[in-house]
Amino acid sequence: MRLTWRDAVATALGLLGAVVVLAVLQGWGWPLLGSYRAGVMALAAIGVPMCLIGAYPFWDSVAFRQPRLILRDPFLTVAAVLGFAAATTLVIGLVTGTELLFVSLAVVMGALWLVATLRHAVEAVPRGASAAMGTA
């Protein structure tokens, strides 16, 4: 594959998430970011579109239609584990509202972004896929 505008949008959203983390941890006093629970909600609001936009080619891939193939791709395996960790951290973070879970969610989101971006940058485009993706 190659990096596309989707990776740029996911990166911009990730940077926005980093600013939210700084705002909450440093107590910048931004409206709606007065607690760790609010920070977790803000990261969720940023992270969901970040994943949907950044992982778009996956929805149209063979691995999505045949989930057992995820285990054959190390990038997808790591991303699946990180995605589960993010969802779990999100739910527990919303319930408890602690700093540890807020920071953990931010770290997991950053790791997911890194894995997805590396996968897009280093994996080759399958034959015939460039025409199907509109990149011919």
N, C-alpha and C. Protein backbone atom coordinates (compact mmCIF):
# COMPACT_ATOMS: atom_id res chain seq x y z
N MET A 1 0.84 -1.18 0.00
CA MET A 1 0.00 0.00 0.00
C MET A 1 0.89 1.24 0.00
N ARG A 2 0.26 2.34 0.14
CA ARG A 2 1.00 3.59 0.27
C ARG A 2 0.19 4.53 1.15
N LEU A 3 0.87 5.53 1.62
CA LEU A 3 0.19 6.51 2.46
C LEU A 3 -0.73 7.36 1.59
N THR A 4 -1.92 7.63 2.11
CA THR A 4 -2.91 8.40 1.36
C THR A 4 -3.42 9.55 2.21
N TRP A 5 -4.38 10.27 1.66
CA TRP A 5 -4.98 11.37 2.40
C TRP A 5 -5.66 10.87 3.66
N ARG A 6 -6.11 9.62 3.66
CA ARG A 6 -6.74 9.05 4.85
C ARG A 6 -5.75 8.97 6.01
N ASP A 7 -4.50 8.62 5.69
CA ASP A 7 -3.47 8.58 6.73
C ASP A 7 -3.19 9.98 7.25
N ALA A 8 -3.24 10.97 6.38
CA ALA A 8 -3.02 12.36 6.81
C ALA A 8 -4.15 12.82 7.74
N VAL A 9 -5.38 12.46 7.42
CA VAL A 9 -6.51 12.82 8.28
C VAL A 9 -6.41 12.11 9.62
N ALA A 10 -6.05 10.82 9.60
CA ALA A 10 -5.89 10.07 10.85
C ALA A 10 -4.77 10.67 11.69
N THR A 11 -3.71 11.12 11.04
CA THR A 11 -2.60 11.76 11.76
C THR A 11 -3.05 13.08 12.39
N ALA A 12 -3.81 13.86 11.64
CA ALA A 12 -4.31 15.13 12.18
C ALA A 12 -5.22 14.88 13.39
N LEU A 13 -6.07 13.86 13.29
CA LEU A 13 -6.94 13.53 14.42
C LEU A 13 -6.11 13.04 15.61
N GLY A 14 -5.05 12.29 15.33
CA GLY A 14 -4.16 11.83 16.40
C GLY A 14 -3.47 13.00 17.09
N LEU A 15 -3.07 13.99 16.32
CA LEU A 15 -2.47 15.19 16.91
C LEU A 15 -3.49 15.95 17.75
N LEU A 16 -4.72 16.00 17.29
CA LEU A 16 -5.78 16.61 18.09
C LEU A 16 -5.97 15.86 19.40
N GLY A 17 -5.89 14.53 19.34
CA GLY A 17 -5.97 13.72 20.56
C GLY A 17 -4.83 14.03 21.51
N ALA A 18 -3.63 14.24 20.97
CA ALA A 18 -2.48 14.59 21.82
C ALA A 18 -2.70 15.94 22.50
N VAL A 19 -3.31 16.87 21.79
CA VAL A 19 -3.61 18.19 22.39
C VAL A 19 -4.64 18.04 23.50
N VAL A 20 -5.63 17.17 23.29
CA VAL A 20 -6.63 16.92 24.33
C VAL A 20 -5.96 16.33 25.57
N VAL A 21 -5.05 15.39 25.36
CA VAL A 21 -4.34 14.78 26.49
C VAL A 21 -3.57 15.85 27.26
N LEU A 22 -2.86 16.71 26.54
CA LEU A 22 -2.12 17.79 27.21
C LEU A 22 -3.06 18.73 27.95
N ALA A 23 -4.18 19.06 27.32
CA ALA A 23 -5.13 19.99 27.95
C ALA A 23 -5.69 19.42 29.25
N VAL A 24 -5.99 18.13 29.26
CA VAL A 24 -6.55 17.52 30.47
C VAL A 24 -5.46 17.37 31.53
N LEU A 25 -4.30 16.85 31.14
CA LEU A 25 -3.24 16.60 32.12
C LEU A 25 -2.66 17.89 32.71
N GLN A 26 -2.58 18.94 31.89
CA GLN A 26 -2.01 20.20 32.36
C GLN A 26 -3.04 21.14 32.96
N GLY A 27 -4.32 20.76 32.90
CA GLY A 27 -5.37 21.58 33.48
C GLY A 27 -5.53 22.93 32.79
N TRP A 28 -5.60 22.90 31.47
CA TRP A 28 -5.71 24.14 30.71
C TRP A 28 -7.06 24.82 30.88
N GLY A 29 -8.02 24.16 31.47
CA GLY A 29 -9.32 24.77 31.73
C GLY A 29 -10.20 24.89 30.51
N TRP A 30 -10.04 24.02 29.55
CA TRP A 30 -10.89 24.06 28.37
C TRP A 30 -12.29 23.59 28.72
N PRO A 31 -13.30 24.20 28.12
CA PRO A 31 -14.68 23.75 28.38
C PRO A 31 -14.84 22.28 27.97
N LEU A 32 -15.60 21.56 28.74
CA LEU A 32 -15.91 20.15 28.52
C LEU A 32 -14.73 19.20 28.72
N LEU A 33 -13.60 19.71 29.20
CA LEU A 33 -12.45 18.85 29.47
C LEU A 33 -11.97 19.04 30.91
N GLY A 34 -12.90 19.07 31.83
CA GLY A 34 -12.55 19.34 33.22
C GLY A 34 -12.21 18.13 34.06
N SER A 35 -12.33 16.91 33.49
CA SER A 35 -12.04 15.72 34.28
C SER A 35 -11.44 14.65 33.36
N TYR A 36 -10.92 13.60 33.98
CA TYR A 36 -10.36 12.50 33.20
C TYR A 36 -11.46 11.76 32.44
N ARG A 37 -12.63 11.67 33.05
CA ARG A 37 -13.76 11.01 32.37
C ARG A 37 -14.14 11.79 31.11
N ALA A 38 -14.17 13.10 31.21
CA ALA A 38 -14.46 13.92 30.04
C ALA A 38 -13.36 13.77 28.99
N GLY A 39 -12.13 13.64 29.45
CA GLY A 39 -11.02 13.41 28.53
C GLY A 39 -11.14 12.08 27.81
N VAL A 40 -11.58 11.04 28.53
CA VAL A 40 -11.80 9.73 27.90
C VAL A 40 -12.89 9.85 26.84
N MET A 41 -13.96 10.57 27.14
CA MET A 41 -15.04 10.77 26.16
C MET A 41 -14.52 11.53 24.93
N ALA A 42 -13.69 12.55 25.16
CA ALA A 42 -13.13 13.31 24.04
C ALA A 42 -12.22 12.43 23.19
N LEU A 43 -11.40 11.60 23.84
CA LEU A 43 -10.53 10.70 23.08
C LEU A 43 -11.35 9.69 22.29
N ALA A 44 -12.46 9.23 22.85
CA ALA A 44 -13.34 8.32 22.12
C ALA A 44 -13.94 9.01 20.90
N ALA A 45 -14.36 10.26 21.09
CA ALA A 45 -14.94 11.02 19.98
C ALA A 45 -13.92 11.29 18.87
N ILE A 46 -12.65 11.33 19.23
CA ILE A 46 -11.60 11.51 18.23
C ILE A 46 -11.14 10.17 17.68
N GLY A 47 -11.05 9.16 18.54
CA GLY A 47 -10.50 7.87 18.16
C GLY A 47 -11.37 7.06 17.22
N VAL A 48 -12.67 7.11 17.40
CA VAL A 48 -13.55 6.33 16.53
C VAL A 48 -13.45 6.78 15.07
N PRO A 49 -13.59 8.08 14.78
CA PRO A 49 -13.41 8.47 13.37
C PRO A 49 -11.98 8.26 12.88
N MET A 50 -11.02 8.40 13.78
CA MET A 50 -9.62 8.17 13.42
C MET A 50 -9.44 6.73 12.91
N CYS A 51 -10.01 5.78 13.62
CA CYS A 51 -9.91 4.38 13.20
C CYS A 51 -10.71 4.10 11.94
N LEU A 52 -11.91 4.65 11.85
CA LEU A 52 -12.74 4.41 10.67
C LEU A 52 -12.11 4.98 9.40
N ILE A 53 -11.53 6.16 9.51
CA ILE A 53 -10.90 6.79 8.34
C ILE A 53 -9.57 6.12 8.02
N GLY A 54 -8.75 5.91 9.04
CA GLY A 54 -7.42 5.35 8.82
C GLY A 54 -7.44 3.89 8.40
N ALA A 55 -8.46 3.14 8.79
CA ALA A 55 -8.52 1.71 8.47
C ALA A 55 -9.43 1.42 7.30
N TYR A 56 -9.82 2.41 6.54
CA TYR A 56 -10.81 2.21 5.47
C TYR A 56 -10.45 1.11 4.49
N PRO A 57 -9.22 1.00 3.98
CA PRO A 57 -8.97 -0.08 3.02
C PRO A 57 -9.23 -1.46 3.62
N PHE A 58 -9.11 -1.59 4.93
CA PHE A 58 -9.34 -2.88 5.56
C PHE A 58 -10.78 -3.34 5.38
N TRP A 59 -11.74 -2.42 5.41
CA TRP A 59 -13.15 -2.81 5.28
C TRP A 59 -13.43 -3.46 3.94
N ASP A 60 -12.62 -3.15 2.95
CA ASP A 60 -12.84 -3.70 1.61
C ASP A 60 -11.88 -4.85 1.31
N SER A 61 -11.13 -5.30 2.31
CA SER A 61 -10.10 -6.31 2.06
C SER A 61 -10.63 -7.73 2.27
N VAL A 62 -9.83 -8.68 1.80
CA VAL A 62 -10.16 -10.09 1.98
C VAL A 62 -10.13 -10.44 3.47
N ALA A 63 -9.21 -9.83 4.24
CA ALA A 63 -9.09 -10.15 5.67
C ALA A 63 -10.37 -9.80 6.42
N PHE A 64 -11.07 -8.75 5.99
CA PHE A 64 -12.32 -8.39 6.67
C PHE A 64 -13.41 -9.42 6.38
N ARG A 65 -13.42 -9.93 5.15
CA ARG A 65 -14.44 -10.91 4.79
C ARG A 65 -14.11 -12.31 5.31
N GLN A 66 -12.83 -12.56 5.59
CA GLN A 66 -12.40 -13.85 6.13
C GLN A 66 -11.53 -13.59 7.36
N PRO A 67 -12.13 -13.41 8.54
CA PRO A 67 -11.41 -12.99 9.73
C PRO A 67 -10.23 -13.87 10.12
N ARG A 68 -10.23 -15.16 9.75
CA ARG A 68 -9.10 -16.00 10.12
C ARG A 68 -7.80 -15.53 9.47
N LEU A 69 -7.89 -14.76 8.38
CA LEU A 69 -6.70 -14.25 7.71
C LEU A 69 -6.00 -13.16 8.52
N ILE A 70 -6.70 -12.57 9.49
CA ILE A 70 -6.10 -11.54 10.33
C ILE A 70 -4.90 -12.11 11.07
N LEU A 71 -4.97 -13.39 11.45
CA LEU A 71 -3.87 -14.00 12.19
C LEU A 71 -2.64 -14.20 11.32
N ARG A 72 -2.78 -14.15 10.02
CA ARG A 72 -1.62 -14.32 9.13
C ARG A 72 -0.88 -13.02 8.87
N ASP A 73 -1.47 -11.92 9.19
CA ASP A 73 -0.84 -10.62 8.99
C ASP A 73 -0.47 -10.05 10.36
N PRO A 74 0.85 -9.93 10.65
CA PRO A 74 1.24 -9.46 11.98
C PRO A 74 0.72 -8.06 12.30
N PHE A 75 0.64 -7.19 11.31
CA PHE A 75 0.12 -5.84 11.55
C PHE A 75 -1.34 -5.91 12.01
N LEU A 76 -2.14 -6.71 11.31
CA LEU A 76 -3.55 -6.82 11.66
C LEU A 76 -3.75 -7.51 13.01
N THR A 77 -2.90 -8.48 13.31
CA THR A 77 -2.99 -9.15 14.60
C THR A 77 -2.73 -8.17 15.73
N VAL A 78 -1.65 -7.40 15.61
CA VAL A 78 -1.33 -6.40 16.64
C VAL A 78 -2.43 -5.35 16.72
N ALA A 79 -2.94 -4.91 15.57
CA ALA A 79 -4.01 -3.91 15.57
C ALA A 79 -5.28 -4.44 16.23
N ALA A 80 -5.59 -5.73 16.01
CA ALA A 80 -6.77 -6.32 16.64
C ALA A 80 -6.62 -6.35 18.16
N VAL A 81 -5.44 -6.73 18.63
CA VAL A 81 -5.19 -6.77 20.07
C VAL A 81 -5.27 -5.36 20.65
N LEU A 82 -4.65 -4.40 19.97
CA LEU A 82 -4.70 -3.01 20.44
C LEU A 82 -6.12 -2.45 20.40
N GLY A 83 -6.89 -2.82 19.38
CA GLY A 83 -8.28 -2.38 19.30
C GLY A 83 -9.10 -2.91 20.46
N PHE A 84 -8.89 -4.17 20.81
CA PHE A 84 -9.58 -4.74 21.97
C PHE A 84 -9.15 -4.02 23.24
N ALA A 85 -7.85 -3.75 23.36
CA ALA A 85 -7.35 -3.04 24.54
C ALA A 85 -7.95 -1.63 24.62
N ALA A 86 -8.07 -0.97 23.47
CA ALA A 86 -8.64 0.38 23.45
C ALA A 86 -10.11 0.36 23.88
N ALA A 87 -10.87 -0.59 23.35
CA ALA A 87 -12.29 -0.68 23.72
C ALA A 87 -12.45 -0.98 25.21
N THR A 88 -11.64 -1.89 25.71
CA THR A 88 -11.71 -2.23 27.13
C THR A 88 -11.32 -1.03 28.00
N THR A 89 -10.24 -0.38 27.63
CA THR A 89 -9.77 0.79 28.38
C THR A 89 -10.81 1.91 28.33
N LEU A 90 -11.45 2.08 27.20
CA LEU A 90 -12.48 3.10 27.06
C LEU A 90 -13.64 2.86 28.02
N VAL A 91 -14.14 1.65 28.04
CA VAL A 91 -15.28 1.33 28.91
C VAL A 91 -14.91 1.50 30.38
N ILE A 92 -13.77 0.93 30.77
CA ILE A 92 -13.36 1.04 32.18
C ILE A 92 -13.04 2.49 32.53
N GLY A 93 -12.44 3.22 31.58
CA GLY A 93 -12.13 4.63 31.81
C GLY A 93 -13.38 5.48 31.99
N LEU A 94 -14.44 5.17 31.26
CA LEU A 94 -15.70 5.90 31.43
C LEU A 94 -16.33 5.61 32.79
N VAL A 95 -16.17 4.39 33.25
CA VAL A 95 -16.76 4.02 34.54
C VAL A 95 -15.97 4.63 35.70
N THR A 96 -14.64 4.52 35.65
CA THR A 96 -13.82 4.95 36.79
C THR A 96 -13.37 6.40 36.70
N GLY A 97 -13.06 6.87 35.49
CA GLY A 97 -12.62 8.25 35.32
C GLY A 97 -11.27 8.55 35.96
N THR A 98 -10.32 7.61 35.86
CA THR A 98 -9.01 7.81 36.49
C THR A 98 -7.97 8.28 35.47
N GLU A 99 -6.93 8.91 36.00
CA GLU A 99 -5.85 9.40 35.15
C GLU A 99 -5.14 8.25 34.44
N LEU A 100 -4.92 7.15 35.15
CA LEU A 100 -4.21 6.01 34.57
C LEU A 100 -4.92 5.49 33.32
N LEU A 101 -6.22 5.33 33.38
CA LEU A 101 -6.95 4.82 32.22
C LEU A 101 -7.04 5.85 31.10
N PHE A 102 -7.11 7.13 31.46
CA PHE A 102 -7.11 8.18 30.45
C PHE A 102 -5.79 8.16 29.67
N VAL A 103 -4.68 8.11 30.38
CA VAL A 103 -3.37 8.08 29.73
C VAL A 103 -3.18 6.77 28.96
N SER A 104 -3.66 5.67 29.54
CA SER A 104 -3.56 4.37 28.86
C SER A 104 -4.30 4.38 27.53
N LEU A 105 -5.48 4.96 27.52
CA LEU A 105 -6.25 5.05 26.27
C LEU A 105 -5.49 5.87 25.23
N ALA A 106 -4.88 6.96 25.65
CA ALA A 106 -4.11 7.79 24.73
C ALA A 106 -2.92 7.01 24.16
N VAL A 107 -2.25 6.25 25.00
CA VAL A 107 -1.09 5.46 24.54
C VAL A 107 -1.53 4.38 23.56
N VAL A 108 -2.63 3.69 23.87
CA VAL A 108 -3.12 2.65 22.97
C VAL A 108 -3.56 3.25 21.64
N MET A 109 -4.20 4.41 21.67
CA MET A 109 -4.60 5.07 20.42
C MET A 109 -3.36 5.43 19.58
N GLY A 110 -2.34 5.93 20.24
CA GLY A 110 -1.11 6.26 19.54
C GLY A 110 -0.46 5.03 18.93
N ALA A 111 -0.47 3.92 19.67
CA ALA A 111 0.09 2.68 19.15
C ALA A 111 -0.71 2.17 17.96
N LEU A 112 -2.03 2.26 18.03
CA LEU A 112 -2.87 1.86 16.89
C LEU A 112 -2.57 2.70 15.66
N TRP A 113 -2.43 4.01 15.85
CA TRP A 113 -2.10 4.88 14.73
C TRP A 113 -0.76 4.46 14.12
N LEU A 114 0.23 4.20 14.97
CA LEU A 114 1.56 3.82 14.49
C LEU A 114 1.52 2.51 13.71
N VAL A 115 0.83 1.51 14.22
CA VAL A 115 0.74 0.22 13.53
C VAL A 115 0.04 0.37 12.18
N ALA A 116 -1.07 1.09 12.16
CA ALA A 116 -1.81 1.28 10.90
C ALA A 116 -0.99 2.05 9.88
N THR A 117 -0.32 3.10 10.32
CA THR A 117 0.47 3.91 9.39
C THR A 117 1.66 3.12 8.87
N LEU A 118 2.33 2.37 9.75
CA LEU A 118 3.44 1.54 9.29
C LEU A 118 2.97 0.49 8.29
N ARG A 119 1.83 -0.12 8.56
CA ARG A 119 1.29 -1.12 7.64
C ARG A 119 1.02 -0.49 6.27
N HIS A 120 0.42 0.67 6.27
CA HIS A 120 0.14 1.33 4.99
C HIS A 120 1.42 1.71 4.26
N ALA A 121 2.45 2.07 5.00
CA ALA A 121 3.69 2.52 4.39
C ALA A 121 4.54 1.38 3.85
N VAL A 122 4.51 0.21 4.49
CA VAL A 122 5.46 -0.84 4.11
C VAL A 122 4.87 -2.00 3.33
N GLU A 123 3.58 -2.24 3.41
CA GLU A 123 3.03 -3.38 2.69
C GLU A 123 2.81 -3.06 1.23
N ALA A 124 3.04 -4.06 0.40
CA ALA A 124 2.87 -3.89 -1.04
C ALA A 124 1.39 -3.94 -1.40
N VAL A 125 1.05 -3.28 -2.49
CA VAL A 125 -0.32 -3.32 -2.99
C VAL A 125 -0.50 -4.63 -3.75
N PRO A 126 -1.54 -5.41 -3.43
CA PRO A 126 -1.78 -6.66 -4.16
C PRO A 126 -2.06 -6.36 -5.64
N ARG A 127 -1.73 -7.31 -6.50
CA ARG A 127 -1.97 -7.12 -7.93
C ARG A 127 -3.45 -6.89 -8.21
N GLY A 128 -3.72 -5.90 -9.04
CA GLY A 128 -5.08 -5.58 -9.41
C GLY A 128 -5.81 -4.73 -8.38
N ALA A 129 -5.22 -4.55 -7.22
CA ALA A 129 -5.90 -3.77 -6.17
C ALA A 129 -5.84 -2.28 -6.44
N SER A 130 -4.81 -1.83 -7.15
CA SER A 130 -4.69 -0.40 -7.38
C SER A 130 -5.85 0.12 -8.23
N ALA A 131 -6.30 -0.65 -9.19
CA ALA A 131 -7.44 -0.22 -9.99
C ALA A 131 -8.72 -0.25 -9.17
N ALA A 132 -8.83 -1.25 -8.30
CA ALA A 132 -10.04 -1.36 -7.48
C ALA A 132 -10.11 -0.24 -6.45
N MET A 133 -8.94 0.23 -5.98
CA MET A 133 -8.93 1.30 -4.99
C MET A 133 -8.94 2.67 -5.63
N GLY A 134 -8.90 2.72 -6.95
CA GLY A 134 -8.94 4.01 -7.63
C GLY A 134 -7.61 4.75 -7.59
N THR A 135 -6.49 3.99 -7.51
CA THR A 135 -5.19 4.63 -7.46
C THR A 135 -4.35 4.29 -8.68
N ALA A 136 -4.99 3.84 -9.75
CA ALA A 136 -4.24 3.44 -10.94
C ALA A 136 -3.59 4.61 -11.62
